Amino acid sequence: MKTLRACFVTFLVAAGTYAAAPTLSSVLFAGQGSKAENAESAALKGFFGIQPIDAHIHIFKDDPELNALIERLDLRALNICVIDDRDPYGKGLEPQRTDVLKVRQSTRGRAAFCTTFSPYDFEEPGFSARAIRQLNQDFTNGAVAVKIYKVMGMEMKSKAGKWVMADDPAFEPIYQDIAAHNRTLVAHLGEPDSCWQAPNPASPDYDYYKEHLEEYAYAHPDWPSKAAILAARDHLVAVNPKLRVVGAHLGSMETNVDDIAQRLDRYPNFAVDMAARIPYFMLQPRDKVRAFLIKYQDRVLYATDLVVMPQAKTESALAEFRSTYERDWKFFSTSEIVEYMGHTYQGLALPRPVLKKLFHDNAVHWFPGILGRGQENARPANH
């Protein structure tokens, strides 16, 4: 599912994380081997010691070895479905939903279910009622969140030729229903700034948009501006104060934490996950990012956007999970040097209480039920 991976895979490939996948035994028992393995194990030990929750992931393969790694890391995750009619696997809710529910069962609930709905027939009679019925059935089956996707604002048009934004009145009854069921809306709206900019080899997203012109706004000058898309998102959040909204990918405000801070100050029901955008923290001044994360330690969720498709190779997935979590933990928890795309960055060395919120507590708060039934201890959105 290429549209799910966005620029994240570009970062991983550039950083060389697809090389020499370890065996399952070396992943689970790294401390038994070489000094290098011992060092890696120490980093992962810190990660799983905090009971991590990856608040944005896409696992569609029920794989015993991957399940074992998730158990070994004491990892929980929000496992997200996405509907995108440009993607063969993502054209509809099925088979995604069935695959995600299998993963939830095989991981004993560690991979929580985030559902979605198709927005494409929003002008058809009875649209919102049908979507609500489907979502309510998914809530009954344990879904803790609902995803909306960037096709709102970057693909969909009305029959009259108008671009369809996330705050279109057709979707409002659905948002109200999500809030009434105490579920959370995950909003991936917009893309990185570079999506609207001329090709720049220095951009972290250069290779991705070079290969995916169908998603490159610069190549489609008729598309709405990013500012218009985010304004619609902000309006959605503002008119639904009882709805918890988590802006995926730093809320598409990745290049400047000040922009995120402005929204967090303005909307108490809004938070962001950092899925596929951690490199943008690295590109900004270290002290500024560190201060932001400390000040807004209740409003930012650790997330990766890792993807495992049904046909994925197990060893590649294991290597990707392990290297990603190890690198991210080093960056946030230590002052060590982390390498990304041939450049080096100093870790943030965040205080332990802040790490606990970013990697665990905030997901529990913003996604009631992510720990399983009987553990829904999150506060309402307008806390």
Protein backbone atom coordinates (compact mmCIF):
# COMPACT_ATOMS: atom_id res chain seq x y z
CA MET A 1 0.00 0.00 0.00
CA LYS A 2 2.27 2.74 -1.28
CA THR A 3 -0.02 5.59 -0.35
CA LEU A 4 0.15 4.57 3.31
CA ARG A 5 3.90 4.61 3.49
CA ALA A 6 4.35 8.21 2.29
CA CYS A 7 7.85 9.51 2.88
CA PHE A 8 8.56 7.09 5.73
CA VAL A 9 9.88 4.33 3.50
CA THR A 10 12.11 6.86 1.76
CA PHE A 11 13.75 7.59 5.09
CA LEU A 12 14.15 3.92 5.92
CA VAL A 13 15.66 2.96 2.59
CA ALA A 14 18.02 5.92 2.66
CA ALA A 15 19.11 5.00 6.15
CA GLY A 16 19.84 1.44 5.07
CA THR A 17 17.37 -0.25 7.40
CA TYR A 18 16.41 -2.89 4.84
CA ALA A 19 19.83 -4.51 4.92
CA ALA A 20 20.58 -7.94 6.32
CA ALA A 21 17.39 -8.80 8.18
CA PRO A 22 18.12 -10.70 11.40
CA THR A 23 16.52 -14.01 12.22
CA LEU A 24 13.74 -14.15 14.78
CA SER A 25 16.08 -15.67 17.36
CA SER A 26 18.57 -12.83 16.93
CA VAL A 27 15.73 -10.32 17.28
CA LEU A 28 14.34 -11.85 20.44
CA PHE A 29 17.61 -12.86 22.03
CA ALA A 30 20.02 -10.20 20.81
CA GLY A 31 21.81 -10.16 24.17
CA GLN A 32 23.10 -13.68 23.58
CA GLY A 33 25.47 -12.71 20.76
CA SER A 34 28.08 -10.15 19.77
CA LYS A 35 28.89 -6.82 21.40
CA ALA A 36 26.96 -5.07 18.62
CA GLU A 37 23.92 -7.20 19.36
CA ASN A 38 24.29 -6.46 23.06
CA ALA A 39 24.35 -2.71 22.37
CA GLU A 40 21.23 -2.95 20.24
CA SER A 41 19.50 -5.01 22.88
CA ALA A 42 20.25 -2.35 25.50
CA ALA A 43 18.48 0.29 23.40
CA LEU A 44 15.47 -1.93 22.82
CA LYS A 45 15.39 -2.83 26.51
CA GLY A 46 14.81 0.82 27.33
CA PHE A 47 12.08 0.95 24.69
CA PHE A 48 10.07 -2.04 25.87
CA GLY A 49 10.67 -1.11 29.49
CA ILE A 50 8.35 1.87 29.09
CA GLN A 51 5.45 -0.31 27.82
CA PRO A 52 5.40 1.49 24.45
CA ILE A 53 2.34 2.23 22.37
CA ASP A 54 2.81 2.96 18.67
CA ALA A 55 -0.19 5.19 17.98
CA HIS A 56 -0.11 4.85 14.19
CA ILE A 57 0.69 1.59 12.45
CA HIS A 58 -0.66 -0.56 9.59
CA ILE A 59 -0.28 -4.31 10.12
CA PHE A 60 -2.37 -6.37 7.71
CA LYS A 61 -0.45 -9.63 8.00
CA ASP A 62 -1.15 -12.16 10.74
CA ASP A 63 2.39 -13.41 11.27
CA PRO A 64 3.46 -15.54 14.28
CA GLU A 65 7.03 -14.22 14.22
CA LEU A 66 5.93 -10.60 14.09
CA ASN A 67 3.40 -11.29 16.84
CA ALA A 68 6.19 -12.76 18.95
CA LEU A 69 8.30 -9.63 18.46
CA ILE A 70 5.37 -7.43 19.48
CA GLU A 71 4.98 -9.52 22.62
CA ARG A 72 8.70 -9.42 23.34
CA LEU A 73 8.77 -5.61 23.04
CA ASP A 74 5.69 -5.33 25.28
CA LEU A 75 4.32 -3.24 22.42
CA ARG A 76 0.79 -2.06 21.84
CA ALA A 77 -0.36 -0.19 18.75
CA LEU A 78 -3.25 1.49 17.01
CA ASN A 79 -3.71 -0.55 13.83
CA ILE A 80 -5.29 1.70 11.22
CA CYS A 81 -7.48 1.01 8.19
CA VAL A 82 -7.43 3.50 5.28
CA ILE A 83 -9.71 3.78 2.26
CA ASP A 84 -8.08 5.17 -0.88
CA ASP A 85 -9.58 4.29 -4.26
CA ARG A 86 -6.16 4.76 -5.90
CA ASP A 87 -4.77 1.78 -4.00
CA PRO A 88 -5.78 -1.78 -4.99
CA TYR A 89 -5.73 -3.04 -1.40
CA GLY A 90 -7.30 0.10 0.05
CA LYS A 91 -10.26 0.59 -2.29
CA GLY A 92 -12.68 -0.58 0.37
CA LEU A 93 -12.86 -1.46 4.03
CA GLU A 94 -12.49 -5.12 3.16
CA PRO A 95 -10.25 -7.07 3.26
CA GLN A 96 -8.46 -4.58 5.51
CA ARG A 97 -10.93 -4.86 8.37
CA THR A 98 -10.84 -8.64 8.39
CA ASP A 99 -7.04 -8.62 8.31
CA VAL A 100 -6.77 -6.06 11.12
CA LEU A 101 -9.20 -8.01 13.29
CA LYS A 102 -7.14 -11.16 12.75
CA VAL A 103 -4.04 -9.31 13.89
CA ARG A 104 -5.87 -8.00 16.94
CA GLN A 105 -6.88 -11.51 17.89
CA SER A 106 -3.48 -13.08 17.27
CA THR A 107 -1.71 -10.35 19.26
CA ARG A 108 -4.19 -10.81 22.10
CA GLY A 109 -5.47 -7.28 21.71
CA ARG A 110 -2.11 -5.54 21.48
CA ALA A 111 -2.95 -4.21 18.01
CA ALA A 112 -6.10 -2.16 18.60
CA PHE A 113 -8.59 -1.65 15.80
CA CYS A 114 -8.96 1.75 14.08
CA THR A 115 -11.70 1.66 11.48
CA THR A 116 -12.66 4.08 8.70
CA PHE A 117 -15.49 4.80 6.29
CA SER A 118 -15.65 5.49 2.58
CA PRO A 119 -16.23 9.20 1.90
CA TYR A 120 -16.62 8.88 -1.82
CA ASP A 121 -20.41 8.62 -2.01
CA PHE A 122 -20.94 11.62 0.28
CA GLU A 123 -23.52 13.15 -2.09
CA GLU A 124 -25.66 10.03 -2.32
CA PRO A 125 -28.94 9.85 -0.35
CA GLY A 126 -28.53 8.27 3.08
CA PHE A 127 -24.73 8.56 3.04
CA SER A 128 -24.19 9.64 6.65
CA ALA A 129 -26.73 7.13 8.00
CA ARG A 130 -24.99 4.27 6.19
CA ALA A 131 -21.56 5.37 7.38
CA ILE A 132 -22.80 5.70 10.96
CA ARG A 133 -24.35 2.22 10.90
CA GLN A 134 -21.08 0.73 9.69
CA LEU A 135 -19.02 2.64 12.27
CA ASN A 136 -21.34 1.72 15.11
CA GLN A 137 -21.03 -1.94 14.17
CA ASP A 138 -17.25 -1.55 14.21
CA PHE A 139 -17.47 0.14 17.62
CA THR A 140 -19.43 -2.87 18.84
CA ASN A 141 -16.61 -5.03 17.49
CA GLY A 142 -14.05 -3.04 19.47
CA ALA A 143 -12.88 -0.20 17.20
CA VAL A 144 -11.40 2.57 19.34
CA ALA A 145 -10.88 5.17 16.60
CA VAL A 146 -11.86 6.24 13.08
CA LYS A 147 -9.46 7.41 10.36
CA ILE A 148 -10.13 10.08 7.74
CA TYR A 149 -7.66 10.46 4.91
CA LYS A 150 -6.01 13.05 2.68
CA VAL A 151 -8.31 12.18 -0.24
CA MET A 152 -10.45 14.83 1.47
CA GLY A 153 -8.88 17.97 0.04
CA MET A 154 -6.45 16.27 -2.34
CA GLU A 155 -8.60 14.04 -4.53
CA MET A 156 -12.35 14.24 -4.02
CA LYS A 157 -14.58 16.62 -5.91
CA SER A 158 -18.31 17.19 -5.72
CA LYS A 159 -20.56 16.60 -8.70
CA ALA A 160 -20.42 20.35 -9.22
CA GLY A 161 -16.63 20.21 -9.46
CA LYS A 162 -15.85 21.67 -6.03
CA TRP A 163 -13.01 20.25 -3.97
CA VAL A 164 -14.34 18.34 -0.97
CA MET A 165 -12.78 19.20 2.38
CA ALA A 166 -12.92 17.37 5.69
CA ASP A 167 -15.33 19.92 7.16
CA ASP A 168 -17.96 19.35 4.49
CA PRO A 169 -21.42 19.32 6.12
CA ALA A 170 -22.02 15.80 4.79
CA PHE A 171 -19.49 14.45 7.30
CA GLU A 172 -20.67 16.37 10.35
CA PRO A 173 -23.26 13.79 11.55
CA ILE A 174 -20.50 11.16 11.40
CA TYR A 175 -18.16 13.24 13.55
CA GLN A 176 -20.93 13.82 16.06
CA ASP A 177 -21.60 10.09 16.24
CA ILE A 178 -17.91 9.33 16.81
CA ALA A 179 -17.86 11.81 19.69
CA ALA A 180 -21.09 10.41 21.14
CA HIS A 181 -19.46 6.95 21.28
CA ASN A 182 -16.35 8.37 22.98
CA ARG A 183 -14.15 7.33 20.08
CA THR A 184 -11.33 9.34 18.53
CA LEU A 185 -10.91 10.75 15.03
CA VAL A 186 -7.49 10.23 13.42
CA ALA A 187 -7.10 12.90 10.74
CA HIS A 188 -4.48 12.54 8.03
CA LEU A 189 -5.21 15.71 6.08
CA GLY A 190 -2.62 17.35 3.87
CA GLU A 191 0.98 16.31 3.29
CA PRO A 192 4.45 17.74 3.98
CA ASP A 193 5.15 21.25 2.67
CA SER A 194 7.43 19.77 0.01
CA CYS A 195 4.40 18.22 -1.65
CA TRP A 196 3.49 21.71 -2.89
CA GLN A 197 7.05 22.81 -3.63
CA ALA A 198 9.35 22.41 -6.62
CA PRO A 199 11.53 19.28 -6.58
CA ASN A 200 14.39 19.65 -4.12
CA PRO A 201 16.90 16.79 -3.74
CA ALA A 202 17.63 18.01 -0.20
CA SER A 203 14.03 17.43 0.88
CA PRO A 204 13.38 14.28 2.94
CA ASP A 205 10.41 13.56 0.65
CA TYR A 206 12.15 14.11 -2.70
CA ASP A 207 12.39 10.46 -3.72
CA TYR A 208 8.83 9.68 -2.70
CA TYR A 209 7.19 12.40 -4.76
CA LYS A 210 9.55 11.73 -7.67
CA GLU A 211 8.14 8.20 -7.78
CA HIS A 212 4.52 9.12 -6.94
CA LEU A 213 3.55 12.05 -9.12
CA GLU A 214 -0.10 11.16 -8.57
CA GLU A 215 0.30 12.42 -5.00
CA TYR A 216 2.62 15.35 -5.74
CA ALA A 217 0.59 18.55 -5.44
CA TYR A 218 3.27 20.58 -7.24
CA ALA A 219 2.51 18.54 -10.35
CA HIS A 220 -1.21 19.34 -9.95
CA PRO A 221 -1.47 23.14 -9.68
CA ASP A 222 -5.27 22.96 -9.65
CA TRP A 223 -5.25 21.21 -6.26
CA PRO A 224 -6.17 23.19 -3.13
CA SER A 225 -3.40 24.81 -1.16
CA LYS A 226 -2.12 23.18 2.00
CA ALA A 227 -3.31 26.22 3.95
CA ALA A 228 -6.88 25.64 2.70
CA ILE A 229 -6.77 21.97 3.69
CA LEU A 230 -5.50 22.74 7.19
CA ALA A 231 -8.02 25.55 7.61
CA ALA A 232 -10.79 23.03 6.92
CA ARG A 233 -9.22 20.67 9.45
CA ASP A 234 -9.05 23.43 12.04
CA HIS A 235 -12.71 24.26 11.41
CA LEU A 236 -13.66 20.61 11.90
CA VAL A 237 -11.86 20.59 15.26
CA ALA A 238 -13.36 23.91 16.33
CA VAL A 239 -17.00 23.04 15.63
CA ASN A 240 -16.69 19.64 17.35
CA PRO A 241 -15.26 20.48 20.79
CA LYS A 242 -16.42 17.17 22.26
CA LEU A 243 -14.63 15.16 19.57
CA ARG A 244 -11.06 14.07 20.26
CA VAL A 245 -9.01 14.62 17.10
CA VAL A 246 -5.46 13.35 16.64
CA GLY A 247 -3.71 14.98 13.70
CA ALA A 248 -1.66 12.27 12.01
CA HIS A 249 1.91 13.02 10.93
CA LEU A 250 2.31 16.02 13.25
CA GLY A 251 -0.97 17.31 11.89
CA SER A 252 0.82 18.03 8.59
CA MET A 253 2.60 20.92 10.34
CA GLU A 254 5.91 19.12 10.35
CA THR A 255 8.38 21.87 9.51
CA ASN A 256 7.82 24.16 12.50
CA VAL A 257 6.74 23.11 15.98
CA ASP A 258 5.43 26.67 16.53
CA ASP A 259 2.61 25.93 14.08
CA ILE A 260 1.66 22.83 16.04
CA ALA A 261 1.83 24.73 19.32
CA GLN A 262 -0.59 27.36 18.02
CA ARG A 263 -3.20 24.69 17.27
CA LEU A 264 -2.65 22.90 20.57
CA ASP A 265 -3.15 26.19 22.43
CA ARG A 266 -6.27 26.96 20.44
CA TYR A 267 -7.97 23.55 20.49
CA PRO A 268 -7.96 21.53 23.74
CA ASN A 269 -9.51 18.57 21.91
CA PHE A 270 -6.60 18.32 19.46
CA ALA A 271 -3.36 16.32 19.66
CA VAL A 272 -0.84 15.10 17.10
CA ASP A 273 0.98 11.87 16.42
CA MET A 274 4.52 11.87 15.03
CA ALA A 275 4.06 9.02 12.54
CA ALA A 276 6.59 9.21 9.67
CA ARG A 277 7.61 12.73 10.67
CA ILE A 278 10.25 12.20 13.37
CA PRO A 279 12.96 13.30 10.89
CA TYR A 280 11.36 16.74 10.87
CA PHE A 281 12.08 17.01 14.59
CA MET A 282 15.70 16.30 13.72
CA LEU A 283 15.79 19.03 11.09
CA GLN A 284 14.65 21.74 13.52
CA PRO A 285 16.80 23.28 16.29
CA ARG A 286 17.30 20.68 18.99
CA ASP A 287 16.59 22.97 21.95
CA LYS A 288 13.42 24.28 20.34
CA VAL A 289 12.04 20.79 19.67
CA ARG A 290 13.00 19.61 23.14
CA ALA A 291 11.26 22.58 24.76
CA PHE A 292 8.16 21.98 22.63
CA LEU A 293 7.90 18.33 23.63
CA ILE A 294 8.35 19.16 27.30
CA LYS A 295 5.75 21.94 27.23
CA TYR A 296 3.21 19.90 25.23
CA GLN A 297 4.09 16.53 26.73
CA ASP A 298 0.37 15.66 27.07
CA ARG A 299 -0.47 16.36 23.42
CA VAL A 300 2.07 14.46 21.29
CA LEU A 301 1.90 10.70 20.68
CA TYR A 302 4.74 8.44 19.63
CA ALA A 303 3.96 6.75 16.31
CA THR A 304 5.82 5.35 13.32
CA ASP A 305 3.52 4.57 10.34
CA LEU A 306 5.19 1.18 9.98
CA VAL A 307 3.41 -0.97 7.38
CA VAL A 308 3.20 -4.74 6.98
CA MET A 309 1.17 -5.77 3.94
CA PRO A 310 -0.26 -9.30 3.60
CA GLN A 311 2.50 -10.29 1.15
CA ALA A 312 5.36 -8.71 3.14
CA LYS A 313 8.46 -10.76 3.92
CA THR A 314 8.63 -11.56 7.60
CA GLU A 315 12.36 -11.03 8.05
CA SER A 316 12.21 -7.59 6.39
CA ALA A 317 9.33 -6.59 8.66
CA LEU A 318 11.18 -7.79 11.76
CA ALA A 319 14.30 -5.84 10.81
CA GLU A 320 12.30 -2.71 10.05
CA PHE A 321 10.42 -2.80 13.36
CA ARG A 322 13.53 -3.45 15.37
CA SER A 323 15.71 -0.78 13.74
CA THR A 324 12.94 1.82 13.81
CA TYR A 325 12.13 1.44 17.47
CA GLU A 326 15.78 1.28 18.45
CA ARG A 327 16.65 4.46 16.53
CA ASP A 328 13.61 6.38 17.75
CA TRP A 329 14.20 5.44 21.38
CA LYS A 330 17.81 6.60 21.17
CA PHE A 331 16.76 9.90 19.65
CA PHE A 332 14.15 10.75 22.26
CA SER A 333 15.70 9.21 25.38
CA THR A 334 19.45 9.87 25.05
CA SER A 335 21.86 12.58 23.93
CA GLU A 336 23.64 10.12 21.66
CA ILE A 337 24.23 10.85 17.99
CA VAL A 338 21.64 9.35 15.66
CA GLU A 339 22.25 9.00 11.93
CA TYR A 340 19.51 9.66 9.40
CA MET A 341 19.97 9.90 5.63
CA GLY A 342 23.70 10.41 5.94
CA HIS A 343 23.40 13.20 8.51
CA THR A 344 23.89 13.04 12.24
CA TYR A 345 21.65 14.48 14.93
CA GLN A 346 21.96 14.68 18.68
CA GLY A 347 19.29 12.95 20.71
CA LEU A 348 16.86 14.98 22.79
CA ALA A 349 17.49 13.26 26.15
CA LEU A 350 13.94 13.92 27.33
CA PRO A 351 13.13 13.41 31.03
CA ARG A 352 11.72 10.01 31.92
CA PRO A 353 8.25 11.37 32.86
CA VAL A 354 7.99 13.04 29.45
CA LEU A 355 9.05 9.85 27.67
CA LYS A 356 6.40 7.92 29.58
CA LYS A 357 3.73 10.29 28.30
CA LEU A 358 4.93 10.36 24.70
CA PHE A 359 5.43 6.61 24.43
CA HIS A 360 2.54 5.35 26.57
CA ASP A 361 0.27 7.60 28.62
CA ASN A 362 -0.90 9.91 25.84
CA ALA A 363 -2.12 7.04 23.69
CA VAL A 364 -4.10 5.73 26.66
CA HIS A 365 -5.64 9.16 27.16
CA TRP A 366 -6.40 10.04 23.55
CA PHE A 367 -7.61 6.56 22.54
CA PRO A 368 -9.92 5.21 25.25
CA GLY A 369 -9.91 1.43 25.12
CA ILE A 370 -6.54 1.01 23.44
CA LEU A 371 -5.42 -1.14 26.39
CA GLY A 372 -8.47 -3.36 26.06
CA ARG A 373 -11.84 -3.61 27.69
CA GLY A 374 -12.14 -2.50 31.25
CA GLN A 375 -9.19 -0.12 30.92
CA GLU A 376 -10.86 2.87 29.27
CA ASN A 377 -9.44 5.46 31.62
CA ALA A 378 -9.10 8.42 29.25
CA ARG A 379 -10.73 11.73 30.01
CA PRO A 380 -13.35 13.38 27.76
CA ALA A 381 -12.08 15.54 24.91
CA ASN A 382 -12.91 18.87 26.59
CA HIS A 383 -10.81 18.21 29.69
